[in-house]
Structure formats: structure tokens, C-alpha cells
Amino acid sequence: MNTIKLTGKTKMVAHRGLSGIERENTNPAFVAAGNRSYWGIETDVHKTSDGQFVIIHDETTERVTEGRININVEENPYDAVKDIVLPDKDGSLNRQDIRIPLLIDYIRICKKYEKIAVLELKNPFEEADIVKIIEIIKEEEYLDSVTFISFDLNNCIILRKLLPQQSIQWLTSKEIDETAMANLLDNNLDLDVYYKRLTKELIEKLHSHNIVVNCWTVDDKDAAEELIGWGVDIITSNILE
């Protein structure tokens, strides 16, 4: 299996790493994306009970272990999850490299392959924890190559306060109504929206306000080509490249 190639100037982001080929949100998925033409690599971060920042989409390990182990990563220390070997895409447990990474692992891979790190703060974070995340990335000298995204508007507001010039995208699956537009404009945020909410007219309106438009998660080539024709800036995908 390989990626499905697209043409055009739209930037492509590998959703949870190259999750169409490798287990999502693992170092192999990030490396696979790094070795391809993706502009960015997206991932999700949670905080463990002992203050470690781990890479996983859900709060629990149940889905990524295919039901074998169910641990809430936010309610347990990092030691409870660091040795879990995740199943490969075929369900086998033969690869020792498929594990739940730390934030620093993801950042270092993005830096090695010179990819934009598209980092989603999954749940509401305290400002002190957002500061710690920023410091981890700063220590790797990679903050300028990070785009922060979050469904939690307050996370975005805190990030904007701390990082006035940073690329920050508010995630939403909802219609972009006047309230949503005001949230974007008032907080100087870009947009990362469910792709079926977009129209050519909406993209043009957002661009008229200098709002960058990212969309998720587009795995259908025809839909992606339509979005490219409409002028969308970024497409996030599991398999399209």
C-alpha cells in the first residue's frame, strides 16, 4: 500500500502521521510521513498524571491496542503506558517500535525531516501546562516550525496570549457562522475545519480576512481535488499526499 498522490500548491498534512500505512500517532507513522513530500505531520498530545506529555488521540489506550489494554493516560503515570507495544496495522505484535511516544519524540522526528509539526492540544489544558509544552519545543529549537491546533477555544486563546506571532488554528466540525467568524477574528486565529463544511465562497470569505484554511480529514481524492480547486490552503489526510 502507498499514498495517493495529488497535484497542486495546497499543503498536505499527514493525519496522526502517515496513519493510512502505519499505526497512528507512533514514531513509525511520523517517520513514514517524514520520508514523503508532506508539508506537515499532525498529532495529538495529552498529559499523564505525573506531568509527561504523551502522543495519543484518545484519552484511553483501548482503541489503539485493539481492546487488549485499557488505560486512561491522563489518570495514570507515564510508566503505565510507556512499555505497551501497540499492534501493527495487520494486528500483529511483532514490532517493538510501535509504542506511545512522548511529545519530544514527535518534535525531534519533525525536526529531523524538516516537517511542520501540527500539534493538537486534545483536552482543555491549564496555562502552566501549555507553557511547559512550549518550553519543550523551544528546547529543541523548533517552535517556529509548529502550528498549534485545538477544538478548545480557550487553549487557542491562551496560546495566542503566550505566542502573539505563532501559527494557531481553531479546530471545529461546525458551520462557520458569524459567531465562529468572530472567534477567529477576535483572537487572530486561523481555521482547521471539517472539510464538508467548506464551500468555495466560504474559503474566499476567510481569505478576505487573511485567515489560513486547513481542513480535515480528507481521504477521498475527488473531494481533495475539488478543495484544491477552491483554493484551500492545507489538507489533512490519512493517505492522500
C-alpha atoms as a PDB file:
ATOM      1  CA  MET A   1       0.000   0.000   0.000  1.00  0.00           C
ATOM      2  CA  ASN A   2       1.176   3.515  -0.743  1.00  0.00           C
ATOM      3  CA  THR A   3      -0.107   7.057  -0.631  1.00  0.00           C
ATOM      4  CA  ILE A   4      -2.406   8.548  -3.267  1.00  0.00           C
ATOM      5  CA  LYS A   5      -0.664  11.465  -4.950  1.00  0.00           C
ATOM      6  CA  LEU A   6      -2.254  14.845  -5.614  1.00  0.00           C
ATOM      7  CA  THR A   7      -1.072  17.797  -7.659  1.00  0.00           C
ATOM      8  CA  GLY A   8      -1.302  21.485  -6.897  1.00  0.00           C
ATOM      9  CA  LYS A   9       0.070  24.017  -4.440  1.00  0.00           C
ATOM     10  CA  THR A  10      -2.113  23.031  -1.470  1.00  0.00           C
ATOM     11  CA  LYS A  11      -0.022  21.960   1.508  1.00  0.00           C
ATOM     12  CA  MET A  12      -0.601  18.375   2.700  1.00  0.00           C
ATOM     13  CA  VAL A  13      -0.531  17.255   6.326  1.00  0.00           C
ATOM     14  CA  ALA A  14      -0.197  13.620   7.396  1.00  0.00           C
ATOM     15  CA  HIS A  15      -3.013  12.974   9.901  1.00  0.00           C
ATOM     16  CA  ARG A  16      -1.628  11.356  13.066  1.00  0.00           C
ATOM     17  CA  GLY A  17       1.457  10.672  10.980  1.00  0.00           C
ATOM     18  CA  LEU A  18       1.021   8.556   7.878  1.00  0.00           C
ATOM     19  CA  SER A  19      -1.781   6.635   9.576  1.00  0.00           C
ATOM     20  CA  GLY A  20      -3.053   5.086   6.358  1.00  0.00           C
ATOM     21  CA  ILE A  21       0.062   2.931   6.332  1.00  0.00           C
ATOM     22  CA  GLU A  22       1.433   2.834   9.894  1.00  0.00           C
ATOM     23  CA  ARG A  23      -0.224   2.701  13.311  1.00  0.00           C
ATOM     24  CA  GLU A  24      -1.478   6.205  14.062  1.00  0.00           C
ATOM     25  CA  ASN A  25       0.489   8.563  16.300  1.00  0.00           C
ATOM     26  CA  THR A  26       3.578   6.382  16.547  1.00  0.00           C
ATOM     27  CA  ASN A  27       7.167   7.049  15.611  1.00  0.00           C
ATOM     28  CA  PRO A  28       6.909   4.758  12.536  1.00  0.00           C
ATOM     29  CA  ALA A  29       3.923   6.805  11.302  1.00  0.00           C
ATOM     30  CA  PHE A  30       5.872  10.040  11.779  1.00  0.00           C
ATOM     31  CA  VAL A  31       8.960   8.672  10.031  1.00  0.00           C
ATOM     32  CA  ALA A  32       6.854   7.365   7.145  1.00  0.00           C
ATOM     33  CA  ALA A  33       5.399  10.856   6.679  1.00  0.00           C
ATOM     34  CA  GLY A  34       8.850  12.386   7.067  1.00  0.00           C
ATOM     35  CA  ASN A  35      10.137  10.310   4.168  1.00  0.00           C
ATOM     36  CA  ARG A  36       7.416  11.612   1.853  1.00  0.00           C
ATOM     37  CA  SER A  37       6.501  15.009   0.445  1.00  0.00           C
ATOM     38  CA  TYR A  38       4.137  16.097   3.232  1.00  0.00           C
ATOM     39  CA  TRP A  39       4.426  19.709   4.357  1.00  0.00           C
ATOM     40  CA  GLY A  40       3.360  18.830   7.889  1.00  0.00           C
ATOM     41  CA  ILE A  41       2.778  15.984  10.336  1.00  0.00           C
ATOM     42  CA  GLU A  42      -0.232  16.227  12.665  1.00  0.00           C
ATOM     43  CA  THR A  43      -0.512  14.618  16.073  1.00  0.00           C
ATOM     44  CA  ASP A  44      -2.348  14.804  19.434  1.00  0.00           C
ATOM     45  CA  VAL A  45      -0.966  15.412  22.913  1.00  0.00           C
ATOM     46  CA  HIS A  46      -2.291  14.510  26.373  1.00  0.00           C
ATOM     47  CA  LYS A  47      -0.734  14.947  29.821  1.00  0.00           C
ATOM     48  CA  THR A  48      -0.218  11.955  32.110  1.00  0.00           C
ATOM     49  CA  SER A  49      -0.916  12.125  35.835  1.00  0.00           C
ATOM     50  CA  ASP A  50       2.803  12.639  36.518  1.00  0.00           C
ATOM     51  CA  GLY A  51       3.090  15.515  34.064  1.00  0.00           C
ATOM     52  CA  GLN A  52       4.526  13.814  30.986  1.00  0.00           C
ATOM     53  CA  PHE A  53       3.214  14.828  27.571  1.00  0.00           C
ATOM     54  CA  VAL A  54       2.322  11.761  25.519  1.00  0.00           C
ATOM     55  CA  ILE A  55       1.207  11.315  21.933  1.00  0.00           C
ATOM     56  CA  ILE A  56      -2.153   9.589  21.606  1.00  0.00           C
ATOM     57  CA  HIS A  57      -5.518  10.624  20.171  1.00  0.00           C
ATOM     58  CA  ASP A  58      -7.929   9.117  22.699  1.00  0.00           C
ATOM     59  CA  GLU A  59      -7.752   9.515  26.444  1.00  0.00           C
ATOM     60  CA  THR A  60      -7.529   5.723  26.767  1.00  0.00           C
ATOM     61  CA  THR A  61      -5.381   3.055  25.128  1.00  0.00           C
ATOM     62  CA  GLU A  62      -8.311   0.739  24.368  1.00  0.00           C
ATOM     63  CA  ARG A  63      -8.704   1.528  20.655  1.00  0.00           C
ATOM     64  CA  VAL A  64      -5.021   1.702  19.701  1.00  0.00           C
ATOM     65  CA  THR A  65      -4.327  -1.604  21.479  1.00  0.00           C
ATOM     66  CA  GLU A  66      -7.370  -3.128  19.735  1.00  0.00           C
ATOM     67  CA  GLY A  67      -9.007  -3.817  23.090  1.00  0.00           C
ATOM     68  CA  ARG A  68      -6.059  -5.539  24.743  1.00  0.00           C
ATOM     69  CA  ILE A  69      -5.246  -2.828  27.295  1.00  0.00           C
ATOM     70  CA  ASN A  70      -7.499  -0.042  28.538  1.00  0.00           C
ATOM     71  CA  ILE A  71      -5.590   2.624  30.468  1.00  0.00           C
ATOM     72  CA  ASN A  72      -6.638   6.247  30.794  1.00  0.00           C
ATOM     73  CA  VAL A  73      -3.420   8.088  30.016  1.00  0.00           C
ATOM     74  CA  GLU A  74      -4.470  11.244  31.852  1.00  0.00           C
ATOM     75  CA  GLU A  75      -5.266   9.355  35.052  1.00  0.00           C
ATOM     76  CA  ASN A  76      -2.079   7.273  35.122  1.00  0.00           C
ATOM     77  CA  PRO A  77       1.675   7.917  35.180  1.00  0.00           C
ATOM     78  CA  TYR A  78       3.784   7.581  32.048  1.00  0.00           C
ATOM     79  CA  ASP A  79       5.281   4.319  33.367  1.00  0.00           C
ATOM     80  CA  ALA A  80       1.849   2.719  32.966  1.00  0.00           C
ATOM     81  CA  VAL A  81       1.884   3.199  29.189  1.00  0.00           C
ATOM     82  CA  LYS A  82       5.499   3.520  28.051  1.00  0.00           C
ATOM     83  CA  ASP A  83       6.102  -0.219  27.670  1.00  0.00           C
ATOM     84  CA  ILE A  84       2.876  -1.031  25.811  1.00  0.00           C
ATOM     85  CA  VAL A  85       3.612  -2.487  22.374  1.00  0.00           C
ATOM     86  CA  LEU A  86       0.823  -1.482  20.005  1.00  0.00           C
ATOM     87  CA  PRO A  87      -0.392  -3.797  17.260  1.00  0.00           C
ATOM     88  CA  ASP A  88       0.739  -3.201  13.721  1.00  0.00           C
ATOM     89  CA  LYS A  89      -1.881  -2.425  11.076  1.00  0.00           C
ATOM     90  CA  ASP A  90      -2.328  -6.165  10.499  1.00  0.00           C
ATOM     91  CA  GLY A  91      -2.948  -6.774  14.205  1.00  0.00           C
ATOM     92  CA  SER A  92       0.401  -8.447  14.864  1.00  0.00           C
ATOM     93  CA  LEU A  93       2.599  -7.564  17.837  1.00  0.00           C
ATOM     94  CA  ASN A  94       5.947  -8.243  16.189  1.00  0.00           C
ATOM     95  CA  ARG A  95       7.358  -4.710  16.130  1.00  0.00           C
ATOM     96  CA  GLN A  96       8.876  -3.253  19.260  1.00  0.00           C
ATOM     97  CA  ASP A  97       8.974   0.251  17.760  1.00  0.00           C
ATOM     98  CA  ILE A  98       5.186   0.724  17.741  1.00  0.00           C
ATOM     99  CA  ARG A  99       4.561   2.412  21.083  1.00  0.00           C
ATOM    100  CA  ILE A 100       3.023   5.548  22.566  1.00  0.00           C
ATOM    101  CA  PRO A 101       5.642   8.274  22.070  1.00  0.00           C
ATOM    102  CA  LEU A 102       6.459  11.333  24.086  1.00  0.00           C
ATOM    103  CA  LEU A 103       5.964  14.827  22.707  1.00  0.00           C
ATOM    104  CA  ILE A 104       9.714  15.289  22.428  1.00  0.00           C
ATOM    105  CA  ASP A 105       9.992  12.180  20.207  1.00  0.00           C
ATOM    106  CA  TYR A 106       7.478  13.638  17.771  1.00  0.00           C
ATOM    107  CA  ILE A 107       9.147  17.050  17.711  1.00  0.00           C
ATOM    108  CA  ARG A 108      12.567  15.518  17.080  1.00  0.00           C
ATOM    109  CA  ILE A 109      11.247  13.486  14.141  1.00  0.00           C
ATOM    110  CA  CYS A 110       9.548  16.547  12.626  1.00  0.00           C
ATOM    111  CA  LYS A 111      12.801  18.464  13.041  1.00  0.00           C
ATOM    112  CA  LYS A 112      14.918  15.689  11.508  1.00  0.00           C
ATOM    113  CA  TYR A 113      12.733  15.571   8.400  1.00  0.00           C
ATOM    114  CA  GLU A 114      12.098  19.333   8.337  1.00  0.00           C
ATOM    115  CA  LYS A 115       8.319  18.996   8.555  1.00  0.00           C
ATOM    116  CA  ILE A 116       5.876  21.419  10.120  1.00  0.00           C
ATOM    117  CA  ALA A 117       4.657  19.991  13.426  1.00  0.00           C
ATOM    118  CA  VAL A 118       0.867  20.360  13.563  1.00  0.00           C
ATOM    119  CA  LEU A 119       0.243  19.786  17.261  1.00  0.00           C
ATOM    120  CA  GLU A 120      -3.262  19.320  18.612  1.00  0.00           C
ATOM    121  CA  LEU A 121      -3.926  20.011  22.282  1.00  0.00           C
ATOM    122  CA  LYS A 122      -6.667  17.442  22.804  1.00  0.00           C
ATOM    123  CA  ASN A 123      -8.360  18.457  26.035  1.00  0.00           C
ATOM    124  CA  PRO A 124      -8.521  21.766  27.923  1.00  0.00           C
ATOM    125  CA  PHE A 125      -5.046  22.496  29.284  1.00  0.00           C
ATOM    126  CA  GLU A 126      -4.035  24.694  32.182  1.00  0.00           C
ATOM    127  CA  GLU A 127      -1.921  27.630  31.110  1.00  0.00           C
ATOM    128  CA  ALA A 128       1.023  26.279  33.103  1.00  0.00           C
ATOM    129  CA  ASP A 129       0.933  23.064  31.078  1.00  0.00           C
ATOM    130  CA  ILE A 130       0.781  24.954  27.790  1.00  0.00           C
ATOM    131  CA  VAL A 131       3.841  26.877  28.949  1.00  0.00           C
ATOM    132  CA  LYS A 132       5.607  23.557  29.594  1.00  0.00           C
ATOM    133  CA  ILE A 133       4.708  22.276  26.122  1.00  0.00           C
ATOM    134  CA  ILE A 134       6.104  25.447  24.590  1.00  0.00           C
ATOM    135  CA  GLU A 135       9.305  25.114  26.631  1.00  0.00           C
ATOM    136  CA  ILE A 136       9.824  21.506  25.476  1.00  0.00           C
ATOM    137  CA  ILE A 137       9.570  22.640  21.856  1.00  0.00           C
ATOM    138  CA  LYS A 138      11.766  25.678  22.457  1.00  0.00           C
ATOM    139  CA  GLU A 139      14.479  23.474  23.925  1.00  0.00           C
ATOM    140  CA  GLU A 140      14.507  21.584  20.622  1.00  0.00           C
ATOM    141  CA  GLU A 141      14.754  24.948  18.789  1.00  0.00           C
ATOM    142  CA  TYR A 142      11.691  24.118  16.708  1.00  0.00           C
ATOM    143  CA  LEU A 143       8.941  26.460  17.854  1.00  0.00           C
ATOM    144  CA  ASP A 144       8.981  28.451  14.596  1.00  0.00           C
ATOM    145  CA  SER A 145       8.002  25.254  12.745  1.00  0.00           C
ATOM    146  CA  VAL A 146       4.989  24.387  14.904  1.00  0.00           C
ATOM    147  CA  THR A 147       1.331  25.047  14.151  1.00  0.00           C
ATOM    148  CA  PHE A 148      -0.860  24.588  17.225  1.00  0.00           C
ATOM    149  CA  ILE A 149      -4.447  23.380  16.788  1.00  0.00           C
ATOM    150  CA  SER A 150      -7.247  22.710  19.260  1.00  0.00           C
ATOM    151  CA  PHE A 151     -11.013  22.240  19.450  1.00  0.00           C
ATOM    152  CA  ASP A 152     -10.866  24.024  22.796  1.00  0.00           C
ATOM    153  CA  LEU A 153     -11.083  27.731  22.040  1.00  0.00           C
ATOM    154  CA  ASN A 154      -9.586  28.656  25.410  1.00  0.00           C
ATOM    155  CA  ASN A 155      -6.458  26.635  24.565  1.00  0.00           C
ATOM    156  CA  CYS A 156      -6.142  28.763  21.421  1.00  0.00           C
ATOM    157  CA  ILE A 157      -6.693  31.973  23.360  1.00  0.00           C
ATOM    158  CA  ILE A 158      -4.008  31.049  25.890  1.00  0.00           C
ATOM    159  CA  LEU A 159      -1.614  30.146  23.083  1.00  0.00           C
ATOM    160  CA  ARG A 160      -2.262  33.449  21.342  1.00  0.00           C
ATOM    161  CA  LYS A 161      -1.550  35.342  24.552  1.00  0.00           C
ATOM    162  CA  LEU A 162       1.710  33.477  25.070  1.00  0.00           C
ATOM    163  CA  LEU A 163       2.742  33.439  21.404  1.00  0.00           C
ATOM    164  CA  PRO A 164       1.454  36.529  19.587  1.00  0.00           C
ATOM    165  CA  GLN A 165       3.079  35.615  16.248  1.00  0.00           C
ATOM    166  CA  GLN A 166       2.538  31.827  16.294  1.00  0.00           C
ATOM    167  CA  SER A 167       0.538  29.834  13.749  1.00  0.00           C
ATOM    168  CA  ILE A 168      -2.582  28.746  15.696  1.00  0.00           C
ATOM    169  CA  GLN A 169      -5.663  27.108  14.185  1.00  0.00           C
ATOM    170  CA  TRP A 170      -9.020  26.679  15.870  1.00  0.00           C
ATOM    171  CA  LEU A 171     -10.441  23.239  15.153  1.00  0.00           C
ATOM    172  CA  THR A 172     -14.155  22.820  14.552  1.00  0.00           C
ATOM    173  CA  SER A 173     -16.602  20.441  12.944  1.00  0.00           C
ATOM    174  CA  LYS A 174     -19.408  23.008  12.968  1.00  0.00           C
ATOM    175  CA  GLU A 175     -20.705  25.525  10.468  1.00  0.00           C
ATOM    176  CA  ILE A 176     -18.667  28.720  10.245  1.00  0.00           C
ATOM    177  CA  ASP A 177     -21.368  31.157  11.305  1.00  0.00           C
ATOM    178  CA  GLU A 178     -20.945  34.750  12.448  1.00  0.00           C
ATOM    179  CA  THR A 179     -20.044  33.672  15.984  1.00  0.00           C
ATOM    180  CA  ALA A 180     -17.338  31.352  14.700  1.00  0.00           C
ATOM    181  CA  MET A 181     -16.016  34.067  12.407  1.00  0.00           C
ATOM    182  CA  ALA A 182     -15.876  36.483  15.331  1.00  0.00           C
ATOM    183  CA  ASN A 183     -13.937  33.941  17.396  1.00  0.00           C
ATOM    184  CA  LEU A 184     -11.369  33.675  14.615  1.00  0.00           C
ATOM    185  CA  LEU A 185     -11.040  37.407  14.045  1.00  0.00           C
ATOM    186  CA  ASP A 186     -11.113  38.491  17.683  1.00  0.00           C
ATOM    187  CA  ASN A 187      -8.340  36.073  18.618  1.00  0.00           C
ATOM    188  CA  ASN A 188      -6.265  36.276  15.417  1.00  0.00           C
ATOM    189  CA  LEU A 189      -6.710  32.569  14.689  1.00  0.00           C
ATOM    190  CA  ASP A 190      -6.594  30.505  11.534  1.00  0.00           C
ATOM    191  CA  LEU A 191      -9.088  27.701  10.885  1.00  0.00           C
ATOM    192  CA  ASP A 192      -8.903  23.899  10.794  1.00  0.00           C
ATOM    193  CA  VAL A 193     -12.389  22.716   9.842  1.00  0.00           C
ATOM    194  CA  TYR A 194     -14.182  19.516   8.847  1.00  0.00           C
ATOM    195  CA  TYR A 195     -13.876  19.589   5.075  1.00  0.00           C
ATOM    196  CA  LYS A 196     -17.572  19.108   4.306  1.00  0.00           C
ATOM    197  CA  ARG A 197     -18.284  22.474   5.948  1.00  0.00           C
ATOM    198  CA  LEU A 198     -16.298  24.286   3.265  1.00  0.00           C
ATOM    199  CA  THR A 199     -17.512  25.939   0.090  1.00  0.00           C
ATOM    200  CA  LYS A 200     -15.626  27.995  -2.454  1.00  0.00           C
ATOM    201  CA  GLU A 201     -17.448  31.098  -1.224  1.00  0.00           C
ATOM    202  CA  LEU A 202     -16.562  30.443   2.415  1.00  0.00           C
ATOM    203  CA  ILE A 203     -12.890  29.917   1.579  1.00  0.00           C
ATOM    204  CA  GLU A 204     -12.891  33.209  -0.313  1.00  0.00           C
ATOM    205  CA  LYS A 205     -14.536  34.962   2.648  1.00  0.00           C
ATOM    206  CA  LEU A 206     -11.999  33.540   5.086  1.00  0.00           C
ATOM    207  CA  HIS A 207      -9.135  34.514   2.782  1.00  0.00           C
ATOM    208  CA  SER A 208     -10.518  38.055   2.575  1.00  0.00           C
ATOM    209  CA  HIS A 209      -9.832  38.240   6.322  1.00  0.00           C
ATOM    210  CA  ASN A 210      -6.345  36.719   5.865  1.00  0.00           C
ATOM    211  CA  ILE A 211      -7.435  33.509   7.617  1.00  0.00           C
ATOM    212  CA  VAL A 212      -5.496  30.396   6.614  1.00  0.00           C
ATOM    213  CA  VAL A 213      -7.844  27.470   5.906  1.00  0.00           C
ATOM    214  CA  ASN A 214      -6.873  23.913   6.854  1.00  0.00           C
ATOM    215  CA  CYS A 215      -9.389  21.074   6.562  1.00  0.00           C
ATOM    216  CA  TRP A 216      -9.708  17.540   7.905  1.00  0.00           C
ATOM    217  CA  THR A 217      -9.789  14.616   7.297  1.00  0.00           C
ATOM    218  CA  VAL A 218      -9.844  14.240   3.513  1.00  0.00           C
ATOM    219  CA  ASP A 219      -9.150  10.742   2.172  1.00  0.00           C
ATOM    220  CA  ASP A 220     -11.246  10.974  -0.991  1.00  0.00           C
ATOM    221  CA  LYS A 221      -9.152  12.103  -3.965  1.00  0.00           C
ATOM    222  CA  ASP A 222     -12.075  13.702  -5.825  1.00  0.00           C
ATOM    223  CA  ALA A 223     -13.075  15.723  -2.751  1.00  0.00           C
ATOM    224  CA  ALA A 224      -9.487  16.819  -2.246  1.00  0.00           C
ATOM    225  CA  GLU A 225      -9.142  17.925  -5.860  1.00  0.00           C
ATOM    226  CA  GLU A 226     -12.337  19.980  -5.532  1.00  0.00           C
ATOM    227  CA  LEU A 227     -10.991  21.656  -2.386  1.00  0.00           C
ATOM    228  CA  ILE A 228      -7.708  22.382  -4.145  1.00  0.00           C
ATOM    229  CA  GLY A 229      -9.686  23.976  -6.978  1.00  0.00           C
ATOM    230  CA  TRP A 230     -11.462  26.149  -4.412  1.00  0.00           C
ATOM    231  CA  GLY A 231      -8.128  27.363  -3.108  1.00  0.00           C
ATOM    232  CA  VAL A 232      -7.959  25.686   0.305  1.00  0.00           C
ATOM    233  CA  ASP A 233      -4.547  26.253   1.894  1.00  0.00           C
ATOM    234  CA  ILE A 234      -3.977  22.967   3.697  1.00  0.00           C
ATOM    235  CA  ILE A 235      -5.478  19.468   3.542  1.00  0.00           C
ATOM    236  CA  THR A 236      -5.048  16.967   6.364  1.00  0.00           C
ATOM    237  CA  SER A 237      -5.290  13.331   5.265  1.00  0.00           C
ATOM    238  CA  ASN A 238      -4.584   9.768   6.341  1.00  0.00           C
ATOM    239  CA  ILE A 239      -3.435   8.653   2.898  1.00  0.00           C
ATOM    240  CA  LEU A 240      -3.509  11.461   0.305  1.00  0.00           C
ATOM    241  CA  GLU A 241      -0.147  13.070  -0.373  1.00  0.00           C
END
